[in-house]
Each structure stands twice: as structure tokens, then as C-alpha cells.
Amino acid sequence: MLVWQTEIAIRAAFKAVADNKQVAILVPTTILALQHYNTFKDRLKDFPCNIDYINRFKSAAKQKETLKKLEEGKMDIVIGTHRLLGKDVVFKDLGLMVIDEEQKFGVAARKS
């Protein structure tokens, strides 16, 4: 079952990607990052949209590969935890950031 907030996030992300912008989905837990990744992949499977995730379950090499694609503009949507706020995370053209469960993040993280 898809909750309405997730549906809105998917549609907003799709619109941003259609406008040639990248999207970051910031979530509070590792498990939620993987769940959202699977949901986004399923919902957008029929569209030319590159989606990936970053969490602690991915190896450092795989995370580095994802970050490289993100910086080169070859990744449209990235889903992850606070790891997405790291200084080594560089977007080519970020157009939308969706924060899921904003109250779980500190004020400093929201302002960065």
C-alpha cells in the first residue's frame, strides 16, 4: 500500500526529472531508504529515469559509483539517509529535495 505522501513525492520527483533536474529523497532510516528505492523503481520502471540509493548496506565501492553518476548527471533520483548531506555528495543539477520525516533530522542538517 502506498501512502499519499509517498505518491506525492514520486509524482514531484517524476516532474523534476522530466524537467532535467536531479532529485534527492532524504529519509531517516536505512531500511526506509531501501523501501523507497524499491517503490520508486517499481512506479517509474516504464520511464527513462535512473534511480539509486545510498545506505550502509551498500559497499563503499558501490556508494562511490553512485556518487560519481550523481555528479556526472547520470543519476536522476537518489534516495538515502543523512549520508546524502555529506560534503562528498555533489549533484550536477539538483532540482528537488524531498525530506521524509523531517522532525527526525536536526536543525543543522536541514539548513545545510
PDB file of N, CA and C in Angstrom:
ATOM      1  N   MET A   1       0.831  -1.181   0.000  1.00  0.00           N
ATOM      2  CA  MET A   1       0.000   0.000   0.000  1.00  0.00           C
ATOM      3  C   MET A   1       0.880   1.252   0.000  1.00  0.00           C
ATOM      4  N   LEU A   2       0.574   2.164  -0.862  1.00  0.00           N
ATOM      5  CA  LEU A   2       1.316   3.410  -0.990  1.00  0.00           C
ATOM      6  C   LEU A   2       0.592   4.502  -0.209  1.00  0.00           C
ATOM      7  N   VAL A   3       1.316   5.160   0.689  1.00  0.00           N
ATOM      8  CA  VAL A   3       0.689   6.268   1.411  1.00  0.00           C
ATOM      9  C   VAL A   3       0.717   7.510   0.535  1.00  0.00           C
ATOM     10  N   TRP A   4      -0.187   8.429   0.785  1.00  0.00           N
ATOM     11  CA  TRP A   4      -0.325   9.590  -0.111  1.00  0.00           C
ATOM     12  C   TRP A   4       0.926  10.455  -0.136  1.00  0.00           C
ATOM     13  N   GLN A   5       1.680  10.523   0.962  1.00  0.00           N
ATOM     14  CA  GLN A   5       2.894  11.341   0.954  1.00  0.00           C
ATOM     15  C   GLN A   5       3.924  10.761  -0.030  1.00  0.00           C
ATOM     16  N   THR A   6       4.024   9.440  -0.059  1.00  0.00           N
ATOM     17  CA  THR A   6       4.958   8.792  -0.981  1.00  0.00           C
ATOM     18  C   THR A   6       4.512   9.021  -2.422  1.00  0.00           C
ATOM     19  N   GLU A   7       3.223   8.941  -2.652  1.00  0.00           N
ATOM     20  CA  GLU A   7       2.692   9.175  -4.001  1.00  0.00           C
ATOM     21  C   GLU A   7       3.015  10.591  -4.470  1.00  0.00           C
ATOM     22  N   ILE A   8       2.855  11.550  -3.597  1.00  0.00           N
ATOM     23  CA  ILE A   8       3.172  12.942  -3.948  1.00  0.00           C
ATOM     24  C   ILE A   8       4.664  13.087  -4.227  1.00  0.00           C
ATOM     25  N   ALA A   9       5.501  12.445  -3.418  1.00  0.00           N
ATOM     26  CA  ALA A   9       6.949  12.507  -3.629  1.00  0.00           C
ATOM     27  C   ALA A   9       7.338  11.902  -4.976  1.00  0.00           C
ATOM     28  N   ILE A  10       6.730  10.783  -5.325  1.00  0.00           N
ATOM     29  CA  ILE A  10       7.024  10.130  -6.607  1.00  0.00           C
ATOM     30  C   ILE A  10       6.631  11.037  -7.767  1.00  0.00           C
ATOM     31  N   ARG A  11       5.457  11.626  -7.682  1.00  0.00           N
ATOM     32  CA  ARG A  11       4.991  12.498  -8.772  1.00  0.00           C
ATOM     33  C   ARG A  11       5.835  13.762  -8.887  1.00  0.00           C
ATOM     34  N   ALA A  12       6.209  14.340  -7.745  1.00  0.00           N
ATOM     35  CA  ALA A  12       7.057  15.538  -7.776  1.00  0.00           C
ATOM     36  C   ALA A  12       8.433  15.197  -8.339  1.00  0.00           C
ATOM     37  N   ALA A  13       8.974  14.053  -7.948  1.00  0.00           N
ATOM     38  CA  ALA A  13      10.273  13.621  -8.457  1.00  0.00           C
ATOM     39  C   ALA A  13      10.212  13.389  -9.962  1.00  0.00           C
ATOM     40  N   PHE A  14       9.154  12.746 -10.419  1.00  0.00           N
ATOM     41  CA  PHE A  14       8.987  12.495 -11.850  1.00  0.00           C
ATOM     42  C   PHE A  14       8.947  13.808 -12.631  1.00  0.00           C
ATOM     43  N   LYS A  15       8.209  14.782 -12.114  1.00  0.00           N
ATOM     44  CA  LYS A  15       8.113  16.094 -12.772  1.00  0.00           C
ATOM     45  C   LYS A  15       9.484  16.767 -12.835  1.00  0.00           C
ATOM     46  N   ALA A  16      10.230  16.711 -11.745  1.00  0.00           N
ATOM     47  CA  ALA A  16      11.567  17.319 -11.725  1.00  0.00           C
ATOM     48  C   ALA A  16      12.486  16.638 -12.741  1.00  0.00           C
ATOM     49  N   VAL A  17      12.457  15.316 -12.789  1.00  0.00           N
ATOM     50  CA  VAL A  17      13.286  14.575 -13.742  1.00  0.00           C
ATOM     51  C   VAL A  17      12.864  14.897 -15.173  1.00  0.00           C
ATOM     52  N   ALA A  18      11.566  15.011 -15.410  1.00  0.00           N
ATOM     53  CA  ALA A  18      11.072  15.372 -16.742  1.00  0.00           C
ATOM     54  C   ALA A  18      11.573  16.759 -17.154  1.00  0.00           C
ATOM     55  N   ASP A  19      11.860  17.600 -16.166  1.00  0.00           N
ATOM     56  CA  ASP A  19      12.407  18.935 -16.420  1.00  0.00           C
ATOM     57  C   ASP A  19      13.935  18.950 -16.345  1.00  0.00           C
ATOM     58  N   ASN A  20      14.540  17.771 -16.478  1.00  0.00           N
ATOM     59  CA  ASN A  20      16.000  17.604 -16.497  1.00  0.00           C
ATOM     60  C   ASN A  20      16.687  18.039 -15.206  1.00  0.00           C
ATOM     61  N   LYS A  21      16.047  17.804 -14.092  1.00  0.00           N
ATOM     62  CA  LYS A  21      16.639  18.106 -12.784  1.00  0.00           C
ATOM     63  C   LYS A  21      16.842  16.806 -12.018  1.00  0.00           C
ATOM     64  N   GLN A  22      17.785  16.830 -11.081  1.00  0.00           N
ATOM     65  CA  GLN A  22      18.008  15.680 -10.223  1.00  0.00           C
ATOM     66  C   GLN A  22      17.190  15.827  -8.941  1.00  0.00           C
ATOM     67  N   VAL A  23      16.945  14.687  -8.303  1.00  0.00           N
ATOM     68  CA  VAL A  23      16.120  14.652  -7.100  1.00  0.00           C
ATOM     69  C   VAL A  23      16.839  13.863  -6.016  1.00  0.00           C
ATOM     70  N   ALA A  24      16.778  14.380  -4.793  1.00  0.00           N
ATOM     71  CA  ALA A  24      17.286  13.667  -3.627  1.00  0.00           C
ATOM     72  C   ALA A  24      16.114  13.416  -2.684  1.00  0.00           C
ATOM     73  N   ILE A  25      16.003  12.188  -2.215  1.00  0.00           N
ATOM     74  CA  ILE A  25      14.976  11.830  -1.241  1.00  0.00           C
ATOM     75  C   ILE A  25      15.719  11.494   0.045  1.00  0.00           C
ATOM     76  N   LEU A  26      15.555  12.320   1.057  1.00  0.00           N
ATOM     77  CA  LEU A  26      16.252  12.159   2.330  1.00  0.00           C
ATOM     78  C   LEU A  26      15.329  11.469   3.324  1.00  0.00           C
ATOM     79  N   VAL A  27      15.750  10.323   3.825  1.00  0.00           N
ATOM     80  CA  VAL A  27      14.926   9.535   4.746  1.00  0.00           C
ATOM     81  C   VAL A  27      15.692   9.283   6.050  1.00  0.00           C
ATOM     82  N   PRO A  28      14.975   9.011   7.140  1.00  0.00           N
ATOM     83  CA  PRO A  28      15.635   8.876   8.436  1.00  0.00           C
ATOM     84  C   PRO A  28      16.287   7.524   8.713  1.00  0.00           C
ATOM     85  N   THR A  29      15.926   6.464   7.971  1.00  0.00           N
ATOM     86  CA  THR A  29      16.486   5.148   8.293  1.00  0.00           C
ATOM     87  C   THR A  29      16.990   4.423   7.056  1.00  0.00           C
ATOM     88  N   THR A  30      17.920   3.531   7.294  1.00  0.00           N
ATOM     89  CA  THR A  30      18.500   2.712   6.236  1.00  0.00           C
ATOM     90  C   THR A  30      17.432   1.848   5.571  1.00  0.00           C
ATOM     91  N   ILE A  31      16.583   1.265   6.374  1.00  0.00           N
ATOM     92  CA  ILE A  31      15.525   0.402   5.843  1.00  0.00           C
ATOM     93  C   ILE A  31      14.563   1.199   4.964  1.00  0.00           C
ATOM     94  N   LEU A  32      14.192   2.389   5.418  1.00  0.00           N
ATOM     95  CA  LEU A  32      13.268   3.214   4.634  1.00  0.00           C
ATOM     96  C   LEU A  32      13.887   3.621   3.300  1.00  0.00           C
ATOM     97  N   ALA A  33      15.187   3.857   3.274  1.00  0.00           N
ATOM     98  CA  ALA A  33      15.859   4.192   2.015  1.00  0.00           C
ATOM     99  C   ALA A  33      15.673   3.059   1.002  1.00  0.00           C
ATOM    100  N   LEU A  34      15.867   1.836   1.448  1.00  0.00           N
ATOM    101  CA  LEU A  34      15.712   0.685   0.555  1.00  0.00           C
ATOM    102  C   LEU A  34      14.249   0.494   0.150  1.00  0.00           C
ATOM    103  N   GLN A  35      13.328   0.692   1.081  1.00  0.00           N
ATOM    104  CA  GLN A  35      11.901   0.573   0.756  1.00  0.00           C
ATOM    105  C   GLN A  35      11.480   1.615  -0.281  1.00  0.00           C
ATOM    106  N   HIS A  36      11.899   2.860  -0.079  1.00  0.00           N
ATOM    107  CA  HIS A  36      11.557   3.909  -1.048  1.00  0.00           C
ATOM    108  C   HIS A  36      12.207   3.633  -2.403  1.00  0.00           C
ATOM    109  N   TYR A  37      13.438   3.168  -2.383  1.00  0.00           N
ATOM    110  CA  TYR A  37      14.112   2.828  -3.632  1.00  0.00           C
ATOM    111  C   TYR A  37      13.279   1.808  -4.419  1.00  0.00           C
ATOM    112  N   ASN A  38      12.859   0.748  -3.741  1.00  0.00           N
ATOM    113  CA  ASN A  38      12.058  -0.285  -4.413  1.00  0.00           C
ATOM    114  C   ASN A  38      10.730   0.271  -4.923  1.00  0.00           C
ATOM    115  N   THR A  39      10.102   1.130  -4.150  1.00  0.00           N
ATOM    116  CA  THR A  39       8.825   1.730  -4.557  1.00  0.00           C
ATOM    117  C   THR A  39       9.010   2.637  -5.771  1.00  0.00           C
ATOM    118  N   PHE A  40      10.023   3.509  -5.723  1.00  0.00           N
ATOM    119  CA  PHE A  40      10.285   4.417  -6.841  1.00  0.00           C
ATOM    120  C   PHE A  40      10.643   3.623  -8.096  1.00  0.00           C
ATOM    121  N   LYS A  41      11.503   2.608  -7.961  1.00  0.00           N
ATOM    122  CA  LYS A  41      11.893   1.791  -9.121  1.00  0.00           C
ATOM    123  C   LYS A  41      10.672   1.129  -9.746  1.00  0.00           C
ATOM    124  N   ASP A  42       9.798   0.603  -8.904  1.00  0.00           N
ATOM    125  CA  ASP A  42       8.599  -0.069  -9.414  1.00  0.00           C
ATOM    126  C   ASP A  42       7.674   0.915 -10.118  1.00  0.00           C
ATOM    127  N   ARG A  43       7.418   2.043  -9.501  1.00  0.00           N
ATOM    128  CA  ARG A  43       6.472   3.016 -10.062  1.00  0.00           C
ATOM    129  C   ARG A  43       6.994   3.671 -11.332  1.00  0.00           C
ATOM    130  N   LEU A  44       8.302   3.861 -11.444  1.00  0.00           N
ATOM    131  CA  LEU A  44       8.860   4.588 -12.588  1.00  0.00           C
ATOM    132  C   LEU A  44       9.573   3.673 -13.586  1.00  0.00           C
ATOM    133  N   LYS A  45       9.311   2.373 -13.495  1.00  0.00           N
ATOM    134  CA  LYS A  45      10.017   1.401 -14.346  1.00  0.00           C
ATOM    135  C   LYS A  45       9.780   1.595 -15.838  1.00  0.00           C
ATOM    136  N   ASP A  46       8.664   2.183 -16.205  1.00  0.00           N
ATOM    137  CA  ASP A  46       8.343   2.359 -17.622  1.00  0.00           C
ATOM    138  C   ASP A  46       8.831   3.686 -18.192  1.00  0.00           C
ATOM    139  N   PHE A  47       9.595   4.412 -17.400  1.00  0.00           N
ATOM    140  CA  PHE A  47      10.074   5.734 -17.819  1.00  0.00           C
ATOM    141  C   PHE A  47      11.597   5.778 -17.788  1.00  0.00           C
ATOM    142  N   PRO A  48      12.200   6.620 -18.631  1.00  0.00           N
ATOM    143  CA  PRO A  48      13.662   6.729 -18.647  1.00  0.00           C
ATOM    144  C   PRO A  48      14.150   7.529 -17.438  1.00  0.00           C
ATOM    145  N   CYS A  49      14.253   6.856 -16.323  1.00  0.00           N
ATOM    146  CA  CYS A  49      14.588   7.507 -15.066  1.00  0.00           C
ATOM    147  C   CYS A  49      15.590   6.635 -14.304  1.00  0.00           C
ATOM    148  N   ASN A  50      16.778   7.157 -14.045  1.00  0.00           N
ATOM    149  CA  ASN A  50      17.809   6.406 -13.336  1.00  0.00           C
ATOM    150  C   ASN A  50      17.694   6.673 -11.838  1.00  0.00           C
ATOM    151  N   ILE A  51      17.468   5.618 -11.077  1.00  0.00           N
ATOM    152  CA  ILE A  51      17.235   5.722  -9.640  1.00  0.00           C
ATOM    153  C   ILE A  51      18.225   4.835  -8.903  1.00  0.00           C
ATOM    154  N   ASP A  52      18.754   5.352  -7.806  1.00  0.00           N
ATOM    155  CA  ASP A  52      19.643   4.554  -6.969  1.00  0.00           C
ATOM    156  C   ASP A  52      19.483   4.998  -5.525  1.00  0.00           C
ATOM    157  N   TYR A  53      20.170   4.317  -4.642  1.00  0.00           N
ATOM    158  CA  TYR A  53      20.100   4.657  -3.225  1.00  0.00           C
ATOM    159  C   TYR A  53      21.476   4.567  -2.597  1.00  0.00           C
ATOM    160  N   ILE A  54      21.602   5.220  -1.467  1.00  0.00           N
ATOM    161  CA  ILE A  54      22.827   5.146  -0.682  1.00  0.00           C
ATOM    162  C   ILE A  54      22.410   4.842   0.756  1.00  0.00           C
ATOM    163  N   ASN A  55      22.964   3.767   1.281  1.00  0.00           N
ATOM    164  CA  ASN A  55      22.797   3.477   2.702  1.00  0.00           C
ATOM    165  C   ASN A  55      23.938   2.574   3.154  1.00  0.00           C
ATOM    166  N   ARG A  56      23.964   2.249   4.410  1.00  0.00           N
ATOM    167  CA  ARG A  56      25.102   1.499   4.949  1.00  0.00           C
ATOM    168  C   ARG A  56      25.152   0.059   4.462  1.00  0.00           C
ATOM    169  N   PHE A  57      24.100  -0.435   3.837  1.00  0.00           N
ATOM    170  CA  PHE A  57      24.116  -1.789   3.300  1.00  0.00           C
ATOM    171  C   PHE A  57      24.875  -1.882   1.978  1.00  0.00           C
ATOM    172  N   LYS A  58      25.128  -0.754   1.353  1.00  0.00           N
ATOM    173  CA  LYS A  58      25.890  -0.748   0.099  1.00  0.00           C
ATOM    174  C   LYS A  58      27.371  -0.635   0.417  1.00  0.00           C
ATOM    175  N   SER A  59      28.166  -1.329  -0.342  1.00  0.00           N
ATOM    176  CA  SER A  59      29.616  -1.268  -0.134  1.00  0.00           C
ATOM    177  C   SER A  59      30.134   0.135  -0.457  1.00  0.00           C
ATOM    178  N   ALA A  60      31.298   0.450   0.058  1.00  0.00           N
ATOM    179  CA  ALA A  60      31.908   1.756  -0.208  1.00  0.00           C
ATOM    180  C   ALA A  60      32.128   1.945  -1.708  1.00  0.00           C
ATOM    181  N   ALA A  61      32.515   0.884  -2.385  1.00  0.00           N
ATOM    182  CA  ALA A  61      32.752   0.963  -3.835  1.00  0.00           C
ATOM    183  C   ALA A  61      31.455   1.271  -4.585  1.00  0.00           C
ATOM    184  N   LYS A  62      30.368   0.624  -4.184  1.00  0.00           N
ATOM    185  CA  LYS A  62      29.072   0.873  -4.843  1.00  0.00           C
ATOM    186  C   LYS A  62      28.572   2.281  -4.541  1.00  0.00           C
ATOM    187  N   GLN A  63      28.788   2.756  -3.306  1.00  0.00           N
ATOM    188  CA  GLN A  63      28.396   4.120  -2.966  1.00  0.00           C
ATOM    189  C   GLN A  63      29.195   5.128  -3.794  1.00  0.00           C
ATOM    190  N   LYS A  64      30.477   4.868  -3.954  1.00  0.00           N
ATOM    191  CA  LYS A  64      31.330   5.759  -4.743  1.00  0.00           C
ATOM    192  C   LYS A  64      30.858   5.799  -6.200  1.00  0.00           C
ATOM    193  N   GLU A  65      30.478   4.660  -6.725  1.00  0.00           N
ATOM    194  CA  GLU A  65      29.972   4.578  -8.101  1.00  0.00           C
ATOM    195  C   GLU A  65      28.681   5.405  -8.246  1.00  0.00           C
ATOM    196  N   THR A  66      27.788   5.279  -7.280  1.00  0.00           N
ATOM    197  CA  THR A  66      26.545   6.048  -7.302  1.00  0.00           C
ATOM    198  C   THR A  66      26.840   7.541  -7.233  1.00  0.00           C
ATOM    199  N   LEU A  67      27.757   7.944  -6.357  1.00  0.00           N
ATOM    200  CA  LEU A  67      28.088   9.366  -6.215  1.00  0.00           C
ATOM    201  C   LEU A  67      28.729   9.924  -7.483  1.00  0.00           C
ATOM    202  N   LYS A  68      29.512   9.108  -8.161  1.00  0.00           N
ATOM    203  CA  LYS A  68      30.129   9.548  -9.417  1.00  0.00           C
ATOM    204  C   LYS A  68      29.048   9.804 -10.478  1.00  0.00           C
ATOM    205  N   LYS A  69      28.100   8.881 -10.580  1.00  0.00           N
ATOM    206  CA  LYS A  69      26.996   9.050 -11.540  1.00  0.00           C
ATOM    207  C   LYS A  69      26.171  10.288 -11.200  1.00  0.00           C
ATOM    208  N   LEU A  70      25.996  10.530  -9.917  1.00  0.00           N
ATOM    209  CA  LEU A  70      25.232  11.692  -9.466  1.00  0.00           C
ATOM    210  C   LEU A  70      25.924  12.981  -9.898  1.00  0.00           C
ATOM    211  N   GLU A  71      27.217  13.052  -9.678  1.00  0.00           N
ATOM    212  CA  GLU A  71      27.981  14.243 -10.034  1.00  0.00           C
ATOM    213  C   GLU A  71      28.045  14.455 -11.541  1.00  0.00           C
ATOM    214  N   GLU A  72      28.075  13.369 -12.294  1.00  0.00           N
ATOM    215  CA  GLU A  72      28.130  13.457 -13.763  1.00  0.00           C
ATOM    216  C   GLU A  72      26.753  13.720 -14.387  1.00  0.00           C
ATOM    217  N   GLY A  73      25.710  13.681 -13.570  1.00  0.00           N
ATOM    218  CA  GLY A  73      24.367  13.888 -14.090  1.00  0.00           C
ATOM    219  C   GLY A  73      23.756  12.646 -14.700  1.00  0.00           C
ATOM    220  N   LYS A  74      24.336  11.484 -14.431  1.00  0.00           N
ATOM    221  CA  LYS A  74      23.823  10.221 -14.975  1.00  0.00           C
ATOM    222  C   LYS A  74      22.829   9.547 -14.021  1.00  0.00           C
ATOM    223  N   MET A  75      22.591  10.153 -12.874  1.00  0.00           N
ATOM    224  CA  MET A  75      21.647   9.645 -11.887  1.00  0.00           C
ATOM    225  C   MET A  75      20.556  10.691 -11.713  1.00  0.00           C
ATOM    226  N   ASP A  76      19.302  10.273 -11.881  1.00  0.00           N
ATOM    227  CA  ASP A  76      18.187  11.209 -11.775  1.00  0.00           C
ATOM    228  C   ASP A  76      17.666  11.349 -10.351  1.00  0.00           C
ATOM    229  N   ILE A  77      17.475  10.226  -9.686  1.00  0.00           N
ATOM    230  CA  ILE A  77      16.915  10.226  -8.332  1.00  0.00           C
ATOM    231  C   ILE A  77      17.815   9.405  -7.431  1.00  0.00           C
ATOM    232  N   VAL A  78      18.200   9.989  -6.309  1.00  0.00           N
ATOM    233  CA  VAL A  78      18.973   9.249  -5.315  1.00  0.00           C
ATOM    234  C   VAL A  78      18.209   9.305  -3.992  1.00  0.00           C
ATOM    235  N   ILE A  79      18.150   8.175  -3.339  1.00  0.00           N
ATOM    236  CA  ILE A  79      17.433   8.050  -2.079  1.00  0.00           C
ATOM    237  C   ILE A  79      18.426   7.625  -1.019  1.00  0.00           C
ATOM    238  N   GLY A  80      18.402   8.297   0.132  1.00  0.00           N
ATOM    239  CA  GLY A  80      19.342   7.922   1.177  1.00  0.00           C
ATOM    240  C   GLY A  80      19.075   8.594   2.503  1.00  0.00           C
ATOM    241  N   THR A  81      19.873   8.204   3.461  1.00  0.00           N
ATOM    242  CA  THR A  81      19.795   8.766   4.800  1.00  0.00           C
ATOM    243  C   THR A  81      20.610  10.053   4.846  1.00  0.00           C
ATOM    244  N   HIS A  82      20.941  10.489   6.050  1.00  0.00           N
ATOM    245  CA  HIS A  82      21.732  11.714   6.212  1.00  0.00           C
ATOM    246  C   HIS A  82      23.054  11.656   5.450  1.00  0.00           C
ATOM    247  N   ARG A  83      23.438  10.496   4.977  1.00  0.00           N
ATOM    248  CA  ARG A  83      24.649  10.332   4.151  1.00  0.00           C
ATOM    249  C   ARG A  83      24.589  11.253   2.928  1.00  0.00           C
ATOM    250  N   LEU A  84      23.383  11.555   2.463  1.00  0.00           N
ATOM    251  CA  LEU A  84      23.217  12.449   1.303  1.00  0.00           C
ATOM    252  C   LEU A  84      23.636  13.882   1.607  1.00  0.00           C
ATOM    253  N   LEU A  85      23.800  14.211   2.881  1.00  0.00           N
ATOM    254  CA  LEU A  85      24.199  15.565   3.263  1.00  0.00           C
ATOM    255  C   LEU A  85      25.717  15.707   3.376  1.00  0.00           C
ATOM    256  N   GLY A  86      26.455  14.636   3.069  1.00  0.00           N
ATOM    257  CA  GLY A  86      27.913  14.666   3.156  1.00  0.00           C
ATOM    258  C   GLY A  86      28.535  15.614   2.150  1.00  0.00           C
ATOM    259  N   LYS A  87      29.689  16.120   2.497  1.00  0.00           N
ATOM    260  CA  LYS A  87      30.388  17.065   1.619  1.00  0.00           C
ATOM    261  C   LYS A  87      30.837  16.427   0.307  1.00  0.00           C
ATOM    262  N   ASP A  88      30.958  15.106   0.286  1.00  0.00           N
ATOM    263  CA  ASP A  88      31.375  14.423  -0.939  1.00  0.00           C
ATOM    264  C   ASP A  88      30.214  14.127  -1.888  1.00  0.00           C
ATOM    265  N   VAL A  89      29.013  14.495  -1.495  1.00  0.00           N
ATOM    266  CA  VAL A  89      27.838  14.283  -2.351  1.00  0.00           C
ATOM    267  C   VAL A  89      27.628  15.545  -3.180  1.00  0.00           C
ATOM    268  N   VAL A  90      27.870  15.407  -4.481  1.00  0.00           N
ATOM    269  CA  VAL A  90      27.793  16.548  -5.394  1.00  0.00           C
ATOM    270  C   VAL A  90      26.781  16.236  -6.492  1.00  0.00           C
ATOM    271  N   PHE A  91      25.844  17.128  -6.651  1.00  0.00           N
ATOM    272  CA  PHE A  91      24.832  16.976  -7.701  1.00  0.00           C
ATOM    273  C   PHE A  91      25.216  17.824  -8.899  1.00  0.00           C
ATOM    274  N   LYS A  92      24.931  17.332 -10.086  1.00  0.00           N
ATOM    275  CA  LYS A  92      25.167  18.143 -11.278  1.00  0.00           C
ATOM    276  C   LYS A  92      24.114  19.242 -11.374  1.00  0.00           C
ATOM    277  N   ASP A  93      22.834  18.900 -11.092  1.00  0.00           N
ATOM    278  CA  ASP A  93      21.763  19.888 -11.195  1.00  0.00           C
ATOM    279  C   ASP A  93      20.573  19.483 -10.322  1.00  0.00           C
ATOM    280  N   LEU A  94      20.730  19.639  -9.021  1.00  0.00           N
ATOM    281  CA  LEU A  94      19.673  19.272  -8.085  1.00  0.00           C
ATOM    282  C   LEU A  94      18.503  20.231  -8.224  1.00  0.00           C
ATOM    283  N   GLY A  95      17.321  19.665  -8.444  1.00  0.00           N
ATOM    284  CA  GLY A  95      16.137  20.492  -8.609  1.00  0.00           C
ATOM    285  C   GLY A  95      15.117  20.305  -7.503  1.00  0.00           C
ATOM    286  N   LEU A  96      15.215  19.176  -6.774  1.00  0.00           N
ATOM    287  CA  LEU A  96      14.231  18.888  -5.734  1.00  0.00           C
ATOM    288  C   LEU A  96      14.854  18.011  -4.671  1.00  0.00           C
ATOM    289  N   MET A  97      14.608  18.376  -3.419  1.00  0.00           N
ATOM    290  CA  MET A  97      14.971  17.510  -2.303  1.00  0.00           C
ATOM    291  C   MET A  97      13.716  17.284  -1.482  1.00  0.00           C
ATOM    292  N   VAL A  98      13.363  16.026  -1.318  1.00  0.00           N
ATOM    293  CA  VAL A  98      12.203  15.646  -0.510  1.00  0.00           C
ATOM    294  C   VAL A  98      12.743  15.124   0.814  1.00  0.00           C
ATOM    295  N   ILE A  99      12.251  15.676   1.912  1.00  0.00           N
ATOM    296  CA  ILE A  99      12.687  15.232   3.237  1.00  0.00           C
ATOM    297  C   ILE A  99      11.534  14.484   3.881  1.00  0.00           C
ATOM    298  N   ASP A 100      11.741  13.197   4.076  1.00  0.00           N
ATOM    299  CA  ASP A 100      10.734  12.340   4.694  1.00  0.00           C
ATOM    300  C   ASP A 100      11.004  12.314   6.195  1.00  0.00           C
ATOM    301  N   GLU A 101       9.988  12.591   6.984  1.00  0.00           N
ATOM    302  CA  GLU A 101      10.138  12.597   8.442  1.00  0.00           C
ATOM    303  C   GLU A 101      11.131  13.653   8.890  1.00  0.00           C
ATOM    304  N   GLU A 102      10.922  14.861   8.453  1.00  0.00           N
ATOM    305  CA  GLU A 102      11.840  15.964   8.735  1.00  0.00           C
ATOM    306  C   GLU A 102      12.155  16.109  10.221  1.00  0.00           C
ATOM    307  N   GLN A 103      11.197  15.851  11.089  1.00  0.00           N
ATOM    308  CA  GLN A 103      11.435  16.039  12.509  1.00  0.00           C
ATOM    309  C   GLN A 103      12.526  15.112  13.047  1.00  0.00           C
ATOM    310  N   LYS A 104      12.878  14.071  12.304  1.00  0.00           N
ATOM    311  CA  LYS A 104      13.933  13.154  12.746  1.00  0.00           C
ATOM    312  C   LYS A 104      15.319  13.749  12.546  1.00  0.00           C
ATOM    313  N   PHE A 105      15.444  14.774  11.724  1.00  0.00           N
ATOM    314  CA  PHE A 105      16.740  15.378  11.444  1.00  0.00           C
ATOM    315  C   PHE A 105      16.914  16.628  12.296  1.00  0.00           C
ATOM    316  N   GLY A 106      18.139  16.928  12.656  1.00  0.00           N
ATOM    317  CA  GLY A 106      18.422  18.109  13.444  1.00  0.00           C
ATOM    318  C   GLY A 106      18.318  19.375  12.611  1.00  0.00           C
ATOM    319  N   VAL A 107      18.255  20.504  13.272  1.00  0.00           N
ATOM    320  CA  VAL A 107      18.170  21.796  12.604  1.00  0.00           C
ATOM    321  C   VAL A 107      19.377  22.030  11.716  1.00  0.00           C
ATOM    322  N   ALA A 108      20.554  21.644  12.178  1.00  0.00           N
ATOM    323  CA  ALA A 108      21.780  21.849  11.388  1.00  0.00           C
ATOM    324  C   ALA A 108      21.718  21.085  10.076  1.00  0.00           C
ATOM    325  N   ALA A 109      21.201  19.865  10.093  1.00  0.00           N
ATOM    326  CA  ALA A 109      21.106  19.065   8.876  1.00  0.00           C
ATOM    327  C   ALA A 109      20.138  19.682   7.890  1.00  0.00           C
ATOM    328  N   ARG A 110      19.029  20.229   8.385  1.00  0.00           N
ATOM    329  CA  ARG A 110      18.035  20.824   7.472  1.00  0.00           C
ATOM    330  C   ARG A 110      18.565  22.089   6.825  1.00  0.00           C
ATOM    331  N   LYS A 111      19.462  22.796   7.492  1.00  0.00           N
ATOM    332  CA  LYS A 111      19.967  24.070   6.952  1.00  0.00           C
ATOM    333  C   LYS A 111      21.142  23.878   6.008  1.00  0.00           C
ATOM    334  N   SER A 112      21.742  22.695   5.973  1.00  0.00           N
ATOM    335  CA  SER A 112      22.935  22.507   5.140  1.00  0.00           C
ATOM    336  C   SER A 112      22.601  22.298   3.693  1.00  0.00           C
TER     337      SER A 112
END
